[in-house]
Structure formats: structure tokens, C-alpha cells
Amino acid sequence: MWGYAEGEQLTNEALIREQYRGIRPAPGYPACPDHSEKPMLFELLGATQATGITLTESFAMLPTAAVSGFYFGHPQAEYFGVARVGPDQLEEYATRRGVDLATATRWLRPNLD
């Protein structure tokens, strides 16, 4: 299923326990709290054209059963979470992304101090 771990045969139980090689962080989860990266991912992959999956203006995927993520098959890859984001980091993030502070705040609200 992964396409890069040759011979890997995992049961549903093993998948749920994350016993596969690598990680698969997804936008909106602790390692990637900002959903606004999804349009770039969709454009790079031609996702809408290839699958018919679309994004809402708040970056939710339709149909709702769709999933997206960043898949890393390195055997030493480990999950991580983005810690609390301070005001100075929020300002820097907004500058790097080229958005106003209110937008960056909306995107990262769950991680803000």
C-alpha cells in the first residue's frame, strides 16, 4: 500500500498501531497544524484532476472520506508535534507565508499561546 516498503504486508491492526516503516503526517494534525498547505499539495499532484477531490474555502476535502498527507518512508522517521507557538513565531510565520496576522492566527489557533 505504501509503495516504498517492498514486501511489507500489514494487517489492519498493525496499520492502526502504526507499525509500518516511516511516518505520514497530515495537514491539521499535530505535526502539520496548518491546513493552508493543502492547495499547494493538490496543485503539485494534480489531485482534483486525477481524483475529483476538491477543497472547500476552509481547506476541508470533499468527499469527506478523502485523506491527504506527507508520506516519509525513512526507517528513522518519527512522528512529532508542533509545540506552542509564541507571538514572535506567529509574526514570523505570517511574514514567511505572506499573509496578514489575522489569517495566520486563524490557521494556527490551536497551537497559539
PDB file of N, CA and C in Angstrom:
ATOM      1  N   MET A   1       0.807  -1.202   0.000  1.00  0.00           N
ATOM      2  CA  MET A   1       0.000   0.000   0.000  1.00  0.00           C
ATOM      3  C   MET A   1       0.853   1.270   0.000  1.00  0.00           C
ATOM      4  N   TRP A   2       1.952   1.248   0.745  1.00  0.00           N
ATOM      5  CA  TRP A   2       2.781   2.442   0.834  1.00  0.00           C
ATOM      6  C   TRP A   2       3.502   2.715  -0.471  1.00  0.00           C
ATOM      7  N   GLY A   3       3.919   1.655  -1.142  1.00  0.00           N
ATOM      8  CA  GLY A   3       4.629   1.830  -2.393  1.00  0.00           C
ATOM      9  C   GLY A   3       6.130   1.985  -2.239  1.00  0.00           C
ATOM     10  N   TYR A   4       6.647   1.923  -1.032  1.00  0.00           N
ATOM     11  CA  TYR A   4       8.090   2.057  -0.878  1.00  0.00           C
ATOM     12  C   TYR A   4       8.684   1.078   0.114  1.00  0.00           C
ATOM     13  N   ALA A   5       7.884   0.307   0.797  1.00  0.00           N
ATOM     14  CA  ALA A   5       8.399  -0.694   1.737  1.00  0.00           C
ATOM     15  C   ALA A   5       8.140  -2.064   1.124  1.00  0.00           C
ATOM     16  N   GLU A   6       9.017  -2.442   0.222  1.00  0.00           N
ATOM     17  CA  GLU A   6       8.850  -3.681  -0.532  1.00  0.00           C
ATOM     18  C   GLU A   6       8.618  -4.867   0.397  1.00  0.00           C
ATOM     19  N   GLY A   7       7.599  -5.639   0.088  1.00  0.00           N
ATOM     20  CA  GLY A   7       7.292  -6.839   0.851  1.00  0.00           C
ATOM     21  C   GLY A   7       6.533  -6.604   2.138  1.00  0.00           C
ATOM     22  N   GLU A   8       6.245  -5.364   2.480  1.00  0.00           N
ATOM     23  CA  GLU A   8       5.535  -5.077   3.728  1.00  0.00           C
ATOM     24  C   GLU A   8       4.086  -5.520   3.602  1.00  0.00           C
ATOM     25  N   GLN A   9       3.679  -6.427   4.465  1.00  0.00           N
ATOM     26  CA  GLN A   9       2.305  -6.941   4.487  1.00  0.00           C
ATOM     27  C   GLN A   9       1.752  -6.722   5.886  1.00  0.00           C
ATOM     28  N   LEU A  10       0.984  -5.661   6.067  1.00  0.00           N
ATOM     29  CA  LEU A  10       0.482  -5.325   7.396  1.00  0.00           C
ATOM     30  C   LEU A  10      -1.012  -5.574   7.497  1.00  0.00           C
ATOM     31  N   THR A  11      -1.428  -6.053   8.653  1.00  0.00           N
ATOM     32  CA  THR A  11      -2.846  -6.220   8.929  1.00  0.00           C
ATOM     33  C   THR A  11      -3.434  -4.862   9.280  1.00  0.00           C
ATOM     34  N   ASN A  12      -4.757  -4.760   9.315  1.00  0.00           N
ATOM     35  CA  ASN A  12      -5.396  -3.511   9.751  1.00  0.00           C
ATOM     36  C   ASN A  12      -4.955  -3.144  11.157  1.00  0.00           C
ATOM     37  N   GLU A  13      -4.840  -4.134  12.036  1.00  0.00           N
ATOM     38  CA  GLU A  13      -4.384  -3.900  13.416  1.00  0.00           C
ATOM     39  C   GLU A  13      -2.984  -3.274  13.423  1.00  0.00           C
ATOM     40  N   ALA A  14      -2.072  -3.803  12.608  1.00  0.00           N
ATOM     41  CA  ALA A  14      -0.709  -3.282  12.540  1.00  0.00           C
ATOM     42  C   ALA A  14      -0.697  -1.860  11.994  1.00  0.00           C
ATOM     43  N   LEU A  15      -1.550  -1.571  11.016  1.00  0.00           N
ATOM     44  CA  LEU A  15      -1.639  -0.211  10.484  1.00  0.00           C
ATOM     45  C   LEU A  15      -2.122   0.759  11.557  1.00  0.00           C
ATOM     46  N   ILE A  16      -3.145   0.365  12.297  1.00  0.00           N
ATOM     47  CA  ILE A  16      -3.684   1.215  13.362  1.00  0.00           C
ATOM     48  C   ILE A  16      -2.617   1.473  14.427  1.00  0.00           C
ATOM     49  N   ARG A  17      -1.803   0.472  14.722  1.00  0.00           N
ATOM     50  CA  ARG A  17      -0.731   0.612  15.717  1.00  0.00           C
ATOM     51  C   ARG A  17       0.514   1.295  15.138  1.00  0.00           C
ATOM     52  N   GLU A  18       0.389   1.756  13.868  1.00  0.00           N
ATOM     53  CA  GLU A  18       1.482   2.471  13.190  1.00  0.00           C
ATOM     54  C   GLU A  18       2.765   1.664  13.162  1.00  0.00           C
ATOM     55  N   GLN A  19       2.662   0.376  12.827  1.00  0.00           N
ATOM     56  CA  GLN A  19       3.824  -0.495  12.780  1.00  0.00           C
ATOM     57  C   GLN A  19       4.489  -0.516  11.401  1.00  0.00           C
ATOM     58  N   TYR A  20       4.059   0.374  10.521  1.00  0.00           N
ATOM     59  CA  TYR A  20       4.672   0.485   9.208  1.00  0.00           C
ATOM     60  C   TYR A  20       5.963   1.278   9.307  1.00  0.00           C
ATOM     61  N   ARG A  21       6.778   1.182   8.266  1.00  0.00           N
ATOM     62  CA  ARG A  21       8.022   1.944   8.232  1.00  0.00           C
ATOM     63  C   ARG A  21       7.709   3.374   7.797  1.00  0.00           C
ATOM     64  N   GLY A  22       8.254   4.357   8.506  1.00  0.00           N
ATOM     65  CA  GLY A  22       8.063   5.756   8.127  1.00  0.00           C
ATOM     66  C   GLY A  22       6.926   6.425   8.890  1.00  0.00           C
ATOM     67  N   ILE A  23       6.610   7.625   8.426  1.00  0.00           N
ATOM     68  CA  ILE A  23       5.534   8.407   9.033  1.00  0.00           C
ATOM     69  C   ILE A  23       4.649   8.987   7.944  1.00  0.00           C
ATOM     70  N   ARG A  24       3.459   9.404   8.306  1.00  0.00           N
ATOM     71  CA  ARG A  24       2.541  10.026   7.361  1.00  0.00           C
ATOM     72  C   ARG A  24       1.779  11.175   8.031  1.00  0.00           C
ATOM     73  N   PRO A  25       2.483  12.238   8.385  1.00  0.00           N
ATOM     74  CA  PRO A  25       1.799  13.388   8.990  1.00  0.00           C
ATOM     75  C   PRO A  25       0.844  14.028   7.984  1.00  0.00           C
ATOM     76  N   ALA A  26      -0.260  14.543   8.482  1.00  0.00           N
ATOM     77  CA  ALA A  26      -1.278  15.125   7.621  1.00  0.00           C
ATOM     78  C   ALA A  26      -1.642  16.535   8.077  1.00  0.00           C
ATOM     79  N   PRO A  27      -1.958  17.412   7.120  1.00  0.00           N
ATOM     80  CA  PRO A  27      -2.392  18.760   7.488  1.00  0.00           C
ATOM     81  C   PRO A  27      -3.566  18.720   8.457  1.00  0.00           C
ATOM     82  N   GLY A  28      -3.455  19.530   9.500  1.00  0.00           N
ATOM     83  CA  GLY A  28      -4.500  19.595  10.504  1.00  0.00           C
ATOM     84  C   GLY A  28      -4.215  18.771  11.741  1.00  0.00           C
ATOM     85  N   TYR A  29      -3.170  17.959  11.680  1.00  0.00           N
ATOM     86  CA  TYR A  29      -2.794  17.137  12.823  1.00  0.00           C
ATOM     87  C   TYR A  29      -1.560  17.739  13.481  1.00  0.00           C
ATOM     88  N   PRO A  30      -1.133  17.223  14.664  1.00  0.00           N
ATOM     89  CA  PRO A  30      -0.080  17.890  15.437  1.00  0.00           C
ATOM     90  C   PRO A  30       1.209  18.227  14.698  1.00  0.00           C
ATOM     91  N   ALA A  31       1.658  17.416  13.766  1.00  0.00           N
ATOM     92  CA  ALA A  31       2.909  17.717  13.073  1.00  0.00           C
ATOM     93  C   ALA A  31       2.739  18.762  11.981  1.00  0.00           C
ATOM     94  N   CYS A  32       1.517  18.979  11.522  1.00  0.00           N
ATOM     95  CA  CYS A  32       1.224  19.917  10.418  1.00  0.00           C
ATOM     96  C   CYS A  32      -0.081  20.655  10.728  1.00  0.00           C
ATOM     97  N   PRO A  33      -0.095  21.519  11.713  1.00  0.00           N
ATOM     98  CA  PRO A  33      -1.369  22.121  12.120  1.00  0.00           C
ATOM     99  C   PRO A  33      -2.015  23.038  11.083  1.00  0.00           C
ATOM    100  N   ASP A  34      -1.270  23.505  10.120  1.00  0.00           N
ATOM    101  CA  ASP A  34      -1.778  24.471   9.145  1.00  0.00           C
ATOM    102  C   ASP A  34      -2.357  23.766   7.916  1.00  0.00           C
ATOM    103  N   HIS A  35      -3.685  23.818   7.768  1.00  0.00           N
ATOM    104  CA  HIS A  35      -4.363  23.219   6.616  1.00  0.00           C
ATOM    105  C   HIS A  35      -4.097  23.981   5.322  1.00  0.00           C
ATOM    106  N   SER A  36      -3.594  25.199   5.394  1.00  0.00           N
ATOM    107  CA  SER A  36      -3.466  26.030   4.197  1.00  0.00           C
ATOM    108  C   SER A  36      -2.405  25.513   3.218  1.00  0.00           C
ATOM    109  N   GLU A  37      -1.658  24.487   3.599  1.00  0.00           N
ATOM    110  CA  GLU A  37      -0.682  23.887   2.689  1.00  0.00           C
ATOM    111  C   GLU A  37      -1.360  22.975   1.669  1.00  0.00           C
ATOM    112  N   LYS A  38      -2.599  22.564   1.939  1.00  0.00           N
ATOM    113  CA  LYS A  38      -3.276  21.610   1.050  1.00  0.00           C
ATOM    114  C   LYS A  38      -3.410  22.094  -0.389  1.00  0.00           C
ATOM    115  N   PRO A  39      -3.764  23.355  -0.661  1.00  0.00           N
ATOM    116  CA  PRO A  39      -3.862  23.757  -2.073  1.00  0.00           C
ATOM    117  C   PRO A  39      -2.564  23.561  -2.847  1.00  0.00           C
ATOM    118  N   MET A  40      -1.423  23.822  -2.190  1.00  0.00           N
ATOM    119  CA  MET A  40      -0.137  23.614  -2.862  1.00  0.00           C
ATOM    120  C   MET A  40       0.078  22.135  -3.158  1.00  0.00           C
ATOM    121  N   LEU A  41      -0.251  21.290  -2.210  1.00  0.00           N
ATOM    122  CA  LEU A  41      -0.126  19.850  -2.389  1.00  0.00           C
ATOM    123  C   LEU A  41      -1.042  19.379  -3.523  1.00  0.00           C
ATOM    124  N   PHE A  42      -2.286  19.858  -3.534  1.00  0.00           N
ATOM    125  CA  PHE A  42      -3.241  19.484  -4.572  1.00  0.00           C
ATOM    126  C   PHE A  42      -2.759  19.922  -5.952  1.00  0.00           C
ATOM    127  N   GLU A  43      -2.198  21.133  -6.022  1.00  0.00           N
ATOM    128  CA  GLU A  43      -1.708  21.634  -7.307  1.00  0.00           C
ATOM    129  C   GLU A  43      -0.511  20.816  -7.804  1.00  0.00           C
ATOM    130  N   LEU A  44       0.438  20.556  -6.910  1.00  0.00           N
ATOM    131  CA  LEU A  44       1.609  19.768  -7.268  1.00  0.00           C
ATOM    132  C   LEU A  44       1.235  18.398  -7.824  1.00  0.00           C
ATOM    133  N   LEU A  45       0.246  17.778  -7.202  1.00  0.00           N
ATOM    134  CA  LEU A  45      -0.132  16.418  -7.573  1.00  0.00           C
ATOM    135  C   LEU A  45      -1.223  16.351  -8.642  1.00  0.00           C
ATOM    136  N   GLY A  46      -1.818  17.507  -8.972  1.00  0.00           N
ATOM    137  CA  GLY A  46      -2.957  17.467  -9.884  1.00  0.00           C
ATOM    138  C   GLY A  46      -4.085  16.658  -9.278  1.00  0.00           C
ATOM    139  N   ALA A  47      -4.256  16.772  -7.974  1.00  0.00           N
ATOM    140  CA  ALA A  47      -5.171  15.907  -7.222  1.00  0.00           C
ATOM    141  C   ALA A  47      -6.623  16.014  -7.674  1.00  0.00           C
ATOM    142  N   THR A  48      -7.116  17.220  -7.885  1.00  0.00           N
ATOM    143  CA  THR A  48      -8.513  17.369  -8.285  1.00  0.00           C
ATOM    144  C   THR A  48      -8.749  16.736  -9.652  1.00  0.00           C
ATOM    145  N   GLN A  49      -7.840  16.982 -10.576  1.00  0.00           N
ATOM    146  CA  GLN A  49      -7.991  16.412 -11.915  1.00  0.00           C
ATOM    147  C   GLN A  49      -7.888  14.885 -11.883  1.00  0.00           C
ATOM    148  N   ALA A  50      -6.994  14.353 -11.069  1.00  0.00           N
ATOM    149  CA  ALA A  50      -6.766  12.908 -11.032  1.00  0.00           C
ATOM    150  C   ALA A  50      -7.821  12.154 -10.233  1.00  0.00           C
ATOM    151  N   THR A  51      -8.410  12.820  -9.220  1.00  0.00           N
ATOM    152  CA  THR A  51      -9.296  12.089  -8.299  1.00  0.00           C
ATOM    153  C   THR A  51     -10.700  12.657  -8.191  1.00  0.00           C
ATOM    154  N   GLY A  52     -10.870  13.934  -8.568  1.00  0.00           N
ATOM    155  CA  GLY A  52     -12.164  14.578  -8.379  1.00  0.00           C
ATOM    156  C   GLY A  52     -12.348  15.157  -6.987  1.00  0.00           C
ATOM    157  N   ILE A  53     -11.363  14.966  -6.104  1.00  0.00           N
ATOM    158  CA  ILE A  53     -11.437  15.512  -4.748  1.00  0.00           C
ATOM    159  C   ILE A  53     -11.208  17.015  -4.815  1.00  0.00           C
ATOM    160  N   THR A  54     -12.020  17.776  -4.109  1.00  0.00           N
ATOM    161  CA  THR A  54     -11.897  19.229  -4.091  1.00  0.00           C
ATOM    162  C   THR A  54     -11.688  19.727  -2.668  1.00  0.00           C
ATOM    163  N   LEU A  55     -11.292  20.986  -2.557  1.00  0.00           N
ATOM    164  CA  LEU A  55     -11.108  21.629  -1.255  1.00  0.00           C
ATOM    165  C   LEU A  55     -12.148  22.716  -1.065  1.00  0.00           C
ATOM    166  N   THR A  56     -12.658  22.829   0.157  1.00  0.00           N
ATOM    167  CA  THR A  56     -13.545  23.936   0.488  1.00  0.00           C
ATOM    168  C   THR A  56     -12.687  25.167   0.771  1.00  0.00           C
ATOM    169  N   GLU A  57     -13.312  26.322   0.983  1.00  0.00           N
ATOM    170  CA  GLU A  57     -12.507  27.514   1.266  1.00  0.00           C
ATOM    171  C   GLU A  57     -11.797  27.424   2.609  1.00  0.00           C
ATOM    172  N   SER A  58     -12.229  26.519   3.497  1.00  0.00           N
ATOM    173  CA  SER A  58     -11.523  26.310   4.766  1.00  0.00           C
ATOM    174  C   SER A  58     -10.591  25.091   4.689  1.00  0.00           C
ATOM    175  N   PHE A  59     -10.336  24.594   3.464  1.00  0.00           N
ATOM    176  CA  PHE A  59      -9.378  23.532   3.173  1.00  0.00           C
ATOM    177  C   PHE A  59      -9.837  22.132   3.566  1.00  0.00           C
ATOM    178  N   ALA A  60     -11.120  21.956   3.852  1.00  0.00           N
ATOM    179  CA  ALA A  60     -11.641  20.607   4.070  1.00  0.00           C
ATOM    180  C   ALA A  60     -11.731  19.917   2.712  1.00  0.00           C
ATOM    181  N   MET A  61     -11.567  18.617   2.695  1.00  0.00           N
ATOM    182  CA  MET A  61     -11.630  17.877   1.437  1.00  0.00           C
ATOM    183  C   MET A  61     -13.031  17.298   1.229  1.00  0.00           C
ATOM    184  N   LEU A  62     -13.463  17.338  -0.026  1.00  0.00           N
ATOM    185  CA  LEU A  62     -14.736  16.739  -0.411  1.00  0.00           C
ATOM    186  C   LEU A  62     -14.464  15.713  -1.496  1.00  0.00           C
ATOM    187  N   PRO A  63     -14.920  14.483  -1.384  1.00  0.00           N
ATOM    188  CA  PRO A  63     -15.785  13.971  -0.324  1.00  0.00           C
ATOM    189  C   PRO A  63     -15.039  13.901   1.015  1.00  0.00           C
ATOM    190  N   THR A  64     -15.801  13.893   2.089  1.00  0.00           N
ATOM    191  CA  THR A  64     -15.216  13.978   3.431  1.00  0.00           C
ATOM    192  C   THR A  64     -14.412  12.744   3.822  1.00  0.00           C
ATOM    193  N   ALA A  65     -14.572  11.638   3.136  1.00  0.00           N
ATOM    194  CA  ALA A  65     -13.797  10.433   3.445  1.00  0.00           C
ATOM    195  C   ALA A  65     -12.372  10.514   2.881  1.00  0.00           C
ATOM    196  N   ALA A  66     -12.072  11.553   2.096  1.00  0.00           N
ATOM    197  CA  ALA A  66     -10.743  11.696   1.494  1.00  0.00           C
ATOM    198  C   ALA A  66      -9.704  12.041   2.565  1.00  0.00           C
ATOM    199  N   VAL A  67      -8.478  11.602   2.331  1.00  0.00           N
ATOM    200  CA  VAL A  67      -7.367  11.927   3.233  1.00  0.00           C
ATOM    201  C   VAL A  67      -6.174  12.409   2.418  1.00  0.00           C
ATOM    202  N   SER A  68      -5.343  13.218   3.015  1.00  0.00           N
ATOM    203  CA  SER A  68      -4.101  13.643   2.372  1.00  0.00           C
ATOM    204  C   SER A  68      -3.019  13.700   3.437  1.00  0.00           C
ATOM    205  N   GLY A  69      -1.794  13.630   3.011  1.00  0.00           N
ATOM    206  CA  GLY A  69      -0.707  13.696   3.971  1.00  0.00           C
ATOM    207  C   GLY A  69       0.625  13.760   3.271  1.00  0.00           C
ATOM    208  N   PHE A  70       1.655  13.837   4.057  1.00  0.00           N
ATOM    209  CA  PHE A  70       3.030  13.823   3.586  1.00  0.00           C
ATOM    210  C   PHE A  70       3.605  12.483   4.047  1.00  0.00           C
ATOM    211  N   TYR A  71       4.075  11.678   3.121  1.00  0.00           N
ATOM    212  CA  TYR A  71       4.496  10.320   3.434  1.00  0.00           C
ATOM    213  C   TYR A  71       6.017  10.213   3.356  1.00  0.00           C
ATOM    214  N   PHE A  72       6.623   9.781   4.459  1.00  0.00           N
ATOM    215  CA  PHE A  72       8.071   9.651   4.542  1.00  0.00           C
ATOM    216  C   PHE A  72       8.404   8.216   4.932  1.00  0.00           C
ATOM    217  N   GLY A  73       9.111   7.516   4.074  1.00  0.00           N
ATOM    218  CA  GLY A  73       9.385   6.108   4.302  1.00  0.00           C
ATOM    219  C   GLY A  73      10.720   5.804   4.938  1.00  0.00           C
ATOM    220  N   HIS A  74      11.419   6.794   5.420  1.00  0.00           N
ATOM    221  CA  HIS A  74      12.730   6.539   6.022  1.00  0.00           C
ATOM    222  C   HIS A  74      12.552   5.749   7.320  1.00  0.00           C
ATOM    223  N   PRO A  75      13.355   4.716   7.531  1.00  0.00           N
ATOM    224  CA  PRO A  75      13.183   3.887   8.728  1.00  0.00           C
ATOM    225  C   PRO A  75      13.397   4.633  10.044  1.00  0.00           C
ATOM    226  N   GLN A  76      14.081   5.763  10.016  1.00  0.00           N
ATOM    227  CA  GLN A  76      14.303   6.523  11.255  1.00  0.00           C
ATOM    228  C   GLN A  76      13.303   7.671  11.421  1.00  0.00           C
ATOM    229  N   ALA A  77      12.369   7.821  10.477  1.00  0.00           N
ATOM    230  CA  ALA A  77      11.366   8.890  10.595  1.00  0.00           C
ATOM    231  C   ALA A  77      10.481   8.630  11.809  1.00  0.00           C
ATOM    232  N   GLU A  78      10.182   9.678  12.560  1.00  0.00           N
ATOM    233  CA  GLU A  78       9.344   9.568  13.750  1.00  0.00           C
ATOM    234  C   GLU A  78       8.329  10.700  13.751  1.00  0.00           C
ATOM    235  N   TYR A  79       7.147  10.407  14.295  1.00  0.00           N
ATOM    236  CA  TYR A  79       6.129  11.443  14.429  1.00  0.00           C
ATOM    237  C   TYR A  79       6.588  12.506  15.417  1.00  0.00           C
ATOM    238  N   PHE A  80       6.096  13.694  15.235  1.00  0.00           N
ATOM    239  CA  PHE A  80       6.419  14.811  16.112  1.00  0.00           C
ATOM    240  C   PHE A  80       5.210  15.725  16.158  1.00  0.00           C
ATOM    241  N   GLY A  81       5.180  16.589  17.120  1.00  0.00           N
ATOM    242  CA  GLY A  81       4.108  17.567  17.215  1.00  0.00           C
ATOM    243  C   GLY A  81       4.686  18.965  17.260  1.00  0.00           C
ATOM    244  N   VAL A  82       3.971  19.917  16.702  1.00  0.00           N
ATOM    245  CA  VAL A  82       4.373  21.307  16.796  1.00  0.00           C
ATOM    246  C   VAL A  82       3.967  21.796  18.177  1.00  0.00           C
ATOM    247  N   ALA A  83       4.910  22.346  18.903  1.00  0.00           N
ATOM    248  CA  ALA A  83       4.637  22.817  20.256  1.00  0.00           C
ATOM    249  C   ALA A  83       3.853  24.122  20.212  1.00  0.00           C
ATOM    250  N   ARG A  84       3.734  24.750  21.337  1.00  0.00           N
ATOM    251  CA  ARG A  84       3.046  26.030  21.429  1.00  0.00           C
ATOM    252  C   ARG A  84       3.795  27.066  20.596  1.00  0.00           C
ATOM    253  N   VAL A  85       3.055  27.912  19.918  1.00  0.00           N
ATOM    254  CA  VAL A  85       3.630  28.949  19.060  1.00  0.00           C
ATOM    255  C   VAL A  85       3.464  30.293  19.764  1.00  0.00           C
ATOM    256  N   GLY A  86       4.576  30.977  19.975  1.00  0.00           N
ATOM    257  CA  GLY A  86       4.554  32.268  20.639  1.00  0.00           C
ATOM    258  C   GLY A  86       4.249  33.396  19.667  1.00  0.00           C
ATOM    259  N   PRO A  87       3.948  34.589  20.181  1.00  0.00           N
ATOM    260  CA  PRO A  87       3.611  35.734  19.325  1.00  0.00           C
ATOM    261  C   PRO A  87       4.700  36.079  18.315  1.00  0.00           C
ATOM    262  N   ASP A  88       5.961  36.004  18.721  1.00  0.00           N
ATOM    263  CA  ASP A  88       7.050  36.313  17.785  1.00  0.00           C
ATOM    264  C   ASP A  88       7.111  35.285  16.654  1.00  0.00           C
ATOM    265  N   GLN A  89       6.875  34.023  16.969  1.00  0.00           N
ATOM    266  CA  GLN A  89       6.872  32.977  15.945  1.00  0.00           C
ATOM    267  C   GLN A  89       5.688  33.141  14.994  1.00  0.00           C
ATOM    268  N   LEU A  90       4.545  33.530  15.551  1.00  0.00           N
ATOM    269  CA  LEU A  90       3.354  33.757  14.728  1.00  0.00           C
ATOM    270  C   LEU A  90       3.617  34.875  13.723  1.00  0.00           C
ATOM    271  N   GLU A  91       4.212  35.965  14.183  1.00  0.00           N
ATOM    272  CA  GLU A  91       4.523  37.083  13.289  1.00  0.00           C
ATOM    273  C   GLU A  91       5.495  36.657  12.188  1.00  0.00           C
ATOM    274  N   GLU A  92       6.531  35.902  12.558  1.00  0.00           N
ATOM    275  CA  GLU A  92       7.499  35.411  11.585  1.00  0.00           C
ATOM    276  C   GLU A  92       6.831  34.485  10.573  1.00  0.00           C
ATOM    277  N   TYR A  93       5.954  33.627  11.047  1.00  0.00           N
ATOM    278  CA  TYR A  93       5.245  32.696  10.167  1.00  0.00           C
ATOM    279  C   TYR A  93       4.377  33.468   9.169  1.00  0.00           C
ATOM    280  N   ALA A  94       3.641  34.448   9.654  1.00  0.00           N
ATOM    281  CA  ALA A  94       2.790  35.258   8.772  1.00  0.00           C
ATOM    282  C   ALA A  94       3.629  35.950   7.702  1.00  0.00           C
ATOM    283  N   THR A  95       4.781  36.471   8.095  1.00  0.00           N
ATOM    284  CA  THR A  95       5.670  37.132   7.140  1.00  0.00           C
ATOM    285  C   THR A  95       6.163  36.149   6.082  1.00  0.00           C
ATOM    286  N   ARG A  96       6.631  34.981   6.521  1.00  0.00           N
ATOM    287  CA  ARG A  96       7.147  33.985   5.574  1.00  0.00           C
ATOM    288  C   ARG A  96       6.067  33.477   4.625  1.00  0.00           C
ATOM    289  N   ARG A  97       4.841  33.346   5.119  1.00  0.00           N
ATOM    290  CA  ARG A  97       3.751  32.858   4.273  1.00  0.00           C
ATOM    291  C   ARG A  97       3.107  33.974   3.453  1.00  0.00           C
ATOM    292  N   GLY A  98       3.442  35.226   3.763  1.00  0.00           N
ATOM    293  CA  GLY A  98       2.896  36.352   3.010  1.00  0.00           C
ATOM    294  C   GLY A  98       1.426  36.597   3.285  1.00  0.00           C
ATOM    295  N   VAL A  99       1.013  36.376   4.535  1.00  0.00           N
ATOM    296  CA  VAL A  99      -0.382  36.596   4.923  1.00  0.00           C
ATOM    297  C   VAL A  99      -0.429  37.556   6.101  1.00  0.00           C
ATOM    298  N   ASP A 100      -1.612  38.122   6.341  1.00  0.00           N
ATOM    299  CA  ASP A 100      -1.736  39.021   7.485  1.00  0.00           C
ATOM    300  C   ASP A 100      -1.797  38.208   8.777  1.00  0.00           C
ATOM    301  N   LEU A 101      -1.595  38.895   9.894  1.00  0.00           N
ATOM    302  CA  LEU A 101      -1.544  38.255  11.200  1.00  0.00           C
ATOM    303  C   LEU A 101      -2.861  37.560  11.552  1.00  0.00           C
ATOM    304  N   ALA A 102      -3.981  38.142  11.178  1.00  0.00           N
ATOM    305  CA  ALA A 102      -5.289  37.535  11.472  1.00  0.00           C
ATOM    306  C   ALA A 102      -5.438  36.184  10.773  1.00  0.00           C
ATOM    307  N   THR A 103      -4.982  36.111   9.537  1.00  0.00           N
ATOM    308  CA  THR A 103      -5.067  34.844   8.792  1.00  0.00           C
ATOM    309  C   THR A 103      -4.172  33.794   9.420  1.00  0.00           C
ATOM    310  N   ALA A 104      -2.925  34.162   9.719  1.00  0.00           N
ATOM    311  CA  ALA A 104      -2.001  33.219  10.356  1.00  0.00           C
ATOM    312  C   ALA A 104      -2.545  32.769  11.708  1.00  0.00           C
ATOM    313  N   THR A 105      -3.157  33.669  12.444  1.00  0.00           N
ATOM    314  CA  THR A 105      -3.763  33.329  13.733  1.00  0.00           C
ATOM    315  C   THR A 105      -4.871  32.298  13.541  1.00  0.00           C
ATOM    316  N   ARG A 106      -5.705  32.494  12.546  1.00  0.00           N
ATOM    317  CA  ARG A 106      -6.795  31.551  12.276  1.00  0.00           C
ATOM    318  C   ARG A 106      -6.229  30.171  11.926  1.00  0.00           C
ATOM    319  N   TRP A 107      -5.191  30.130  11.100  1.00  0.00           N
ATOM    320  CA  TRP A 107      -4.609  28.858  10.684  1.00  0.00           C
ATOM    321  C   TRP A 107      -3.971  28.099  11.843  1.00  0.00           C
ATOM    322  N   LEU A 108      -3.329  28.809  12.765  1.00  0.00           N
ATOM    323  CA  LEU A 108      -2.550  28.165  13.838  1.00  0.00           C
ATOM    324  C   LEU A 108      -3.198  28.257  15.214  1.00  0.00           C
ATOM    325  N   ARG A 109      -4.433  28.695  15.295  1.00  0.00           N
ATOM    326  CA  ARG A 109      -5.099  28.943  16.594  1.00  0.00           C
ATOM    327  C   ARG A 109      -4.889  27.832  17.620  1.00  0.00           C
ATOM    328  N   PRO A 110      -5.028  26.541  17.277  1.00  0.00           N
ATOM    329  CA  PRO A 110      -4.870  25.511  18.308  1.00  0.00           C
ATOM    330  C   PRO A 110      -3.475  25.459  18.925  1.00  0.00           C
ATOM    331  N   ASN A 111      -2.483  26.017  18.259  1.00  0.00           N
ATOM    332  CA  ASN A 111      -1.110  25.946  18.758  1.00  0.00           C
ATOM    333  C   ASN A 111      -0.620  27.255  19.380  1.00  0.00           C
ATOM    334  N   LEU A 112      -1.490  28.250  19.451  1.00  0.00           N
ATOM    335  CA  LEU A 112      -1.034  29.547  19.950  1.00  0.00           C
ATOM    336  C   LEU A 112      -1.036  29.607  21.475  1.00  0.00           C
ATOM    337  N   ASP A 113      -0.057  30.372  22.012  1.00  0.00           N
ATOM    338  CA  ASP A 113      -0.002  30.614  23.462  1.00  0.00           C
ATOM    339  C   ASP A 113      -1.119  31.545  23.857  1.00  0.00           C
TER     340      ASP A 113
END
